[in-house]
Each structure stands twice: as C-alpha cells, then as structure tokens.
Amino acid sequence: MMKKWKTWSLKDKRLRLFYDYVPLDHTLLVNQWALTDGGIIGRNKKGEVKEGYFSSLFFDGEKCYHLERVRLVCSSNNESEYSAVIDTMMAIVDHYNFDRINMPKGIVIYTDSKLVVNQINNKWRVKAENLINFYKAAHQLSNEWRFKLTWVSGKIVKEVLGH
C-alpha cells in the first residue's frame, strides 16, 4: 500500500496559487486533478545521480492531499519525473481503493516534464533505453485508469510545490 496522503487545507496559499496560474478552462481544469514534480537531489563524486524525489498534490473534488517521497532509485532527472507520475497515479488509484466504478475518469495530472507528457500521450518516441520501462508502466496506468497528462510551466510547480 502506498504512503498515505497528507491533507492540505483548501485555503492553503499554495493551492490558491495553482488556481491563479492555471487558466480556468473547464476542458483542462476538472474537479479532480494532480500536480506532480520529480527531480534529483544528489550526485556522487563521479557525477552520477545518487537519488531523486517527487512531490504531488492531489485534489479529489473535496479535499487536497500532499504526498512526497525522497530517495527514489533513479539515474536521471527524466527517470525521477516518470517515477513522480507513476507513483502519483498509483497513489490516486489506491485513494479510490482500486475501484474502477467509483474512481472518476479523466483525472488530469499536471507536470512540468514535456518529455513525460509527450511520450505518454504518444506524441514523442521513447529513445532513451533507460526510460522504456518507465514509459510502459506510465502509459499502461494512464490508459487503464484513464488519466490525462498535461504540461504546466515549471514556474507553477515551483510556486505551488515549493521546489
């Protein structure tokens, strides 16, 4: 079972920032959404990535939840971005107790990784061998649970998630 989400107040400044930045286009902004980011936090003496992190916000239409994880095993920033999306999807599915009937369809996941969004949406090919398994996992989850991935500016991610 995934680590449980921490609840954020709907009056939280960072949540209001998200709504200030994202245009209220009802074709994009739905009642249930997530904002996620991943990155690297350390390198060894050879310059190789030691570990990564991810942070996500999830709004289920009533409450806003925050989830963070550090010490992801990854060898690149793109792997960390993929891990963030995959872990966020899995945590949302877990939030709805793996119930296909009651889980809303089309939950939008916003991320600042154009690579991840365009690969999962089949607009770009996956060229890097180290990303193929990440792509397969994310693509399968996206299709199976009907998530929609949308790119959002890194400025929004930094303002809202704080990194």
Protein backbone atom coordinates (compact mmCIF):
# COMPACT_ATOMS: atom_id res chain seq x y z
CA MET A 1 0.00 0.00 0.00
CA MET A 2 1.23 3.48 -0.83
CA LYS A 3 2.20 6.04 1.78
CA LYS A 4 -0.92 7.97 2.75
CA TRP A 5 -1.51 11.49 1.53
CA LYS A 6 -1.28 14.42 3.94
CA THR A 7 -4.38 16.63 3.81
CA TRP A 8 -3.95 20.28 2.86
CA SER A 9 -6.45 22.98 3.70
CA LEU A 10 -8.40 24.25 0.72
CA LYS A 11 -7.39 27.71 1.94
CA ASP A 12 -3.69 26.86 1.68
CA LYS A 13 -1.74 29.60 -0.13
CA ARG A 14 -0.08 27.10 -2.48
CA LEU A 15 -3.40 25.66 -3.58
CA ARG A 16 -4.70 29.15 -4.35
CA LEU A 17 -1.51 29.78 -6.35
CA PHE A 18 -2.28 26.79 -8.54
CA TYR A 19 -5.70 28.17 -9.41
CA ASP A 20 -4.19 31.60 -10.04
CA TYR A 21 -1.72 30.17 -12.57
CA VAL A 22 -3.79 27.56 -14.37
CA PRO A 23 -6.41 29.08 -16.65
CA LEU A 24 -9.91 28.16 -15.62
CA ASP A 25 -10.57 26.42 -18.91
CA HIS A 26 -13.05 23.74 -17.93
CA THR A 27 -11.77 21.44 -20.66
CA LEU A 28 -8.43 21.34 -18.80
CA LEU A 29 -9.19 22.02 -15.16
CA VAL A 30 -11.54 19.36 -13.87
CA ASN A 31 -12.83 18.60 -10.41
CA GLN A 32 -10.13 16.02 -9.76
CA TRP A 33 -6.51 16.78 -10.61
CA ALA A 34 -2.94 16.24 -9.52
CA LEU A 35 0.20 18.35 -9.81
CA THR A 36 3.46 16.43 -9.66
CA ASP A 37 7.18 17.02 -9.91
CA GLY A 38 10.28 14.89 -9.69
CA GLY A 39 13.96 15.68 -9.67
CA ILE A 40 17.38 14.68 -8.47
CA ILE A 41 18.82 15.68 -5.12
CA GLY A 42 22.33 14.34 -5.10
CA ARG A 43 25.25 13.11 -7.17
CA ASN A 44 28.28 11.02 -6.23
CA LYS A 45 31.91 12.05 -6.85
CA LYS A 46 31.71 10.71 -10.42
CA GLY A 47 28.74 12.98 -11.15
CA GLU A 48 26.26 10.09 -11.22
CA VAL A 49 22.82 10.64 -9.75
CA LYS A 50 22.53 9.19 -6.24
CA GLU A 51 18.85 9.70 -5.51
CA GLY A 52 15.72 11.52 -6.53
CA TYR A 53 12.49 12.85 -5.08
CA PHE A 54 8.94 13.52 -6.04
CA SER A 55 6.17 15.66 -4.68
CA SER A 56 2.49 15.69 -5.62
CA LEU A 57 -0.72 17.47 -4.83
CA PHE A 58 -4.00 15.69 -5.50
CA PHE A 59 -7.45 17.28 -5.34
CA ASP A 60 -10.32 14.77 -5.26
CA GLY A 61 -13.07 17.36 -5.63
CA GLU A 62 -13.42 17.86 -1.89
CA LYS A 63 -10.01 17.70 -0.23
CA CYS A 64 -6.47 18.45 -1.29
CA TYR A 65 -3.72 15.96 -0.43
CA HIS A 66 0.06 16.27 -0.49
CA LEU A 67 2.48 13.38 -0.95
CA GLU A 68 6.29 13.46 -1.01
CA ARG A 69 8.92 10.80 -1.35
CA VAL A 70 12.69 11.06 -1.32
CA ARG A 71 15.41 8.57 -2.02
CA LEU A 72 13.92 7.28 -5.25
CA VAL A 73 16.29 4.99 -7.11
CA CYS A 74 16.89 6.77 -10.40
CA SER A 75 19.78 7.57 -12.67
CA SER A 76 18.44 10.70 -14.37
CA ASN A 77 16.06 13.59 -13.90
CA ASN A 78 13.73 12.08 -16.53
CA GLU A 79 13.55 8.82 -14.57
CA SER A 80 12.62 10.85 -11.49
CA GLU A 81 9.92 12.73 -13.44
CA TYR A 82 8.49 9.43 -14.69
CA SER A 83 8.62 7.98 -11.15
CA ALA A 84 6.71 11.00 -9.88
CA VAL A 85 3.93 10.49 -12.43
CA ILE A 86 3.76 6.72 -11.88
CA ASP A 87 3.75 6.99 -8.07
CA THR A 88 1.11 9.73 -8.22
CA MET A 89 -1.13 7.62 -10.46
CA MET A 90 -0.71 4.62 -8.14
CA ALA A 91 -1.45 6.72 -5.04
CA ILE A 92 -4.63 8.09 -6.66
CA VAL A 93 -5.78 4.60 -7.66
CA ASP A 94 -5.08 3.49 -4.07
CA HIS A 95 -7.01 6.53 -2.77
CA TYR A 96 -10.07 5.18 -4.60
CA ASN A 97 -9.37 1.65 -3.28
CA PHE A 98 -8.71 0.32 -6.78
CA ASP A 99 -12.42 0.77 -7.53
CA ARG A 100 -12.87 1.33 -11.27
CA ILE A 101 -16.55 2.18 -10.89
CA ASN A 102 -16.19 4.96 -8.30
CA MET A 103 -12.88 6.43 -9.46
CA PRO A 104 -13.56 9.42 -11.72
CA LYS A 105 -12.40 9.08 -15.30
CA GLY A 106 -10.09 11.66 -16.82
CA ILE A 107 -8.26 12.87 -13.72
CA VAL A 108 -5.74 15.37 -15.07
CA ILE A 109 -2.14 15.07 -13.94
CA TYR A 110 -0.16 18.26 -14.47
CA THR A 111 3.62 18.01 -14.73
CA ASP A 112 6.39 20.29 -15.95
CA SER A 113 8.08 17.49 -17.90
CA LYS A 114 7.32 17.94 -21.59
CA LEU A 115 9.18 14.72 -22.28
CA VAL A 116 6.96 12.63 -19.99
CA VAL A 117 3.73 14.26 -21.19
CA ASN A 118 4.56 13.92 -24.88
CA GLN A 119 5.82 10.36 -24.59
CA ILE A 120 2.83 9.12 -22.59
CA ASN A 121 0.48 10.93 -24.99
CA ASN A 122 2.29 9.19 -27.90
CA LYS A 123 3.49 12.43 -29.49
CA TRP A 124 7.18 11.66 -28.98
CA ARG A 125 9.01 8.35 -29.29
CA VAL A 126 10.93 6.95 -26.35
CA LYS A 127 14.54 6.95 -27.49
CA ALA A 128 16.42 6.52 -24.21
CA GLU A 129 16.65 2.87 -23.29
CA ASN A 130 16.58 3.64 -19.57
CA LEU A 131 13.10 5.21 -19.95
CA ILE A 132 11.37 2.36 -21.82
CA ASN A 133 10.13 0.51 -18.71
CA PHE A 134 9.10 3.78 -17.07
CA TYR A 135 7.16 4.70 -20.22
CA LYS A 136 5.44 1.29 -20.38
CA ALA A 137 4.35 1.47 -16.75
CA ALA A 138 3.10 5.07 -17.00
CA HIS A 139 1.38 4.50 -20.34
CA GLN A 140 -0.39 1.38 -19.07
CA LEU A 141 -1.60 3.15 -15.91
CA SER A 142 -2.71 6.17 -17.91
CA ASN A 143 -4.74 4.04 -20.32
CA GLU A 144 -6.10 1.60 -17.76
CA TRP A 145 -7.29 4.25 -15.30
CA ARG A 146 -7.92 6.99 -17.90
CA PHE A 147 -5.60 9.65 -16.56
CA LYS A 148 -4.89 12.66 -18.75
CA LEU A 149 -1.42 14.17 -18.69
CA THR A 150 -0.97 17.88 -19.31
CA TRP A 151 2.15 20.03 -19.31
CA VAL A 152 2.29 23.01 -16.98
CA SER A 153 5.06 25.56 -16.51
CA GLY A 154 7.87 24.77 -14.10
CA LYS A 155 7.19 28.16 -12.51
CA ILE A 156 3.79 26.90 -11.36
CA VAL A 157 5.31 23.70 -9.98
CA LYS A 158 7.96 25.61 -8.03
CA GLU A 159 5.47 28.13 -6.64
CA VAL A 160 2.87 25.55 -5.64
CA LEU A 161 5.00 22.60 -4.53
CA GLY A 162 7.83 24.74 -3.18
CA HIS A 163 10.77 23.28 -5.14
